Amino acid sequence: MITAIVFVHADNDRISEVAEQIAGLEHVTEVYSVTGDIDLVVMVRVAGYEEIAPAITDQLKKVPGVIDTDTHLAFRAYSEHDLEAAFSL
C-alpha cells in the first residue's frame, strides 16, 4: 500500500465543502482541516504507484474550490500500532 499525503490549498469560503467532496473520493482515507499555511491534509492510499496520478491529478485536483496541492509520498509508517505488531509473539 502506498500512502500519499496531500497538502491542499482551498478557496477560503468553501473549505468545508471542498473537504467533504474530497472525503468522498476513491482512495481518500482521511481529510483533516488544519491550521497554518495549508487548509487541508488529505491521506490517499493506493495499491500501486500507477494509481497516484489518477487519484490526485484526475480526481482530487479537479474538485471545485481546490486551488493548489502539494503531494508527499510516505516511505515508511511509524505508529504505535505498527510497533505492537512487530514486538508481539
Protein backbone atom coordinates (compact mmCIF):
# COMPACT_ATOMS: atom_id res chain seq x y z
CA MET A 1 0.00 0.00 0.00
CA ILE A 2 1.34 3.40 -0.99
CA THR A 3 0.38 6.44 1.06
CA ALA A 4 0.35 9.94 -0.39
CA ILE A 5 -0.01 12.90 1.94
CA VAL A 6 -1.55 15.79 0.03
CA PHE A 7 -1.50 19.38 1.29
CA VAL A 8 -4.45 21.25 -0.18
CA HIS A 9 -4.97 24.98 -0.57
CA ALA A 10 -8.69 25.63 -0.95
CA ASP A 11 -10.96 28.60 -1.58
CA ASN A 12 -11.43 30.07 1.92
CA ASP A 13 -15.19 30.37 1.50
CA ARG A 14 -15.54 26.69 0.55
CA ILE A 15 -13.12 24.75 2.79
CA SER A 16 -15.80 22.58 4.44
CA GLU A 17 -17.50 21.85 1.12
CA VAL A 18 -14.16 21.02 -0.54
CA ALA A 19 -13.19 18.75 2.37
CA GLU A 20 -16.48 16.83 2.16
CA GLN A 21 -16.14 16.35 -1.60
CA ILE A 22 -12.55 15.17 -1.26
CA ALA A 23 -13.51 12.77 1.55
CA GLY A 24 -15.91 11.06 -0.84
CA LEU A 25 -13.26 10.32 -3.47
CA GLU A 26 -11.97 6.82 -4.11
CA HIS A 27 -8.64 6.13 -2.35
CA VAL A 28 -9.07 9.03 0.09
CA THR A 29 -8.99 7.64 3.63
CA GLU A 30 -8.80 10.82 5.73
CA VAL A 31 -9.21 14.56 5.33
CA TYR A 32 -8.04 16.96 8.04
CA SER A 33 -8.76 20.67 8.33
CA VAL A 34 -5.57 22.18 9.74
CA THR A 35 -4.03 25.45 10.85
CA GLY A 36 -1.06 27.03 9.16
CA ASP A 37 -0.17 27.71 5.56
CA ILE A 38 -2.42 24.99 4.13
CA ASP A 39 -6.12 24.34 4.55
CA LEU A 40 -6.46 20.56 4.34
CA VAL A 41 -4.28 17.49 4.73
CA VAL A 42 -5.53 14.53 2.72
CA MET A 43 -4.38 10.93 3.09
CA VAL A 44 -4.58 8.96 -0.16
CA ARG A 45 -3.85 5.22 -0.13
CA VAL A 46 -3.39 3.25 -3.34
CA ALA A 47 -2.12 -0.22 -4.22
CA GLY A 48 0.46 0.88 -6.80
CA TYR A 49 2.37 3.92 -8.00
CA GLU A 50 0.40 3.97 -11.26
CA GLU A 51 -2.74 4.84 -9.25
CA ILE A 52 -1.32 8.01 -7.69
CA ALA A 53 -1.70 10.34 -10.68
CA PRO A 54 -5.31 9.37 -11.42
CA ALA A 55 -6.28 9.67 -7.73
CA ILE A 56 -4.68 13.08 -7.25
CA THR A 57 -4.41 14.79 -10.64
CA ASP A 58 -7.55 13.40 -12.26
CA GLN A 59 -9.82 13.48 -9.20
CA LEU A 60 -8.66 15.48 -6.18
CA LYS A 61 -7.23 18.46 -8.07
CA LYS A 62 -10.47 18.75 -10.09
CA VAL A 63 -12.70 19.23 -7.05
CA PRO A 64 -14.22 22.72 -7.34
CA GLY A 65 -12.57 25.02 -4.81
CA VAL A 66 -9.17 23.28 -4.81
CA ILE A 67 -6.62 25.98 -5.61
CA ASP A 68 -3.35 24.06 -5.33
CA THR A 69 -1.89 20.83 -3.96
CA ASP A 70 1.49 19.63 -2.75
CA THR A 71 1.92 15.84 -2.66
CA HIS A 72 4.33 13.86 -0.49
CA LEU A 73 4.84 10.07 -0.68
CA ALA A 74 5.41 8.15 2.53
CA PHE A 75 8.41 5.79 2.63
CA ARG A 76 7.65 4.03 5.90
CA ALA A 77 4.96 4.21 8.57
CA TYR A 78 5.85 4.55 12.24
CA SER A 79 3.00 4.18 14.67
CA GLU A 80 2.21 2.56 17.97
CA HIS A 81 0.06 0.03 16.15
CA ASP A 82 2.96 -1.00 13.87
CA LEU A 83 5.34 -1.32 16.83
CA GLU A 84 2.90 -3.52 18.75
CA ALA A 85 2.61 -5.85 15.77
CA ALA A 86 6.40 -6.03 15.38
CA PHE A 87 7.00 -6.97 19.02
CA SER A 88 4.04 -9.29 19.58
CA LEU A 89 4.73 -13.02 19.72
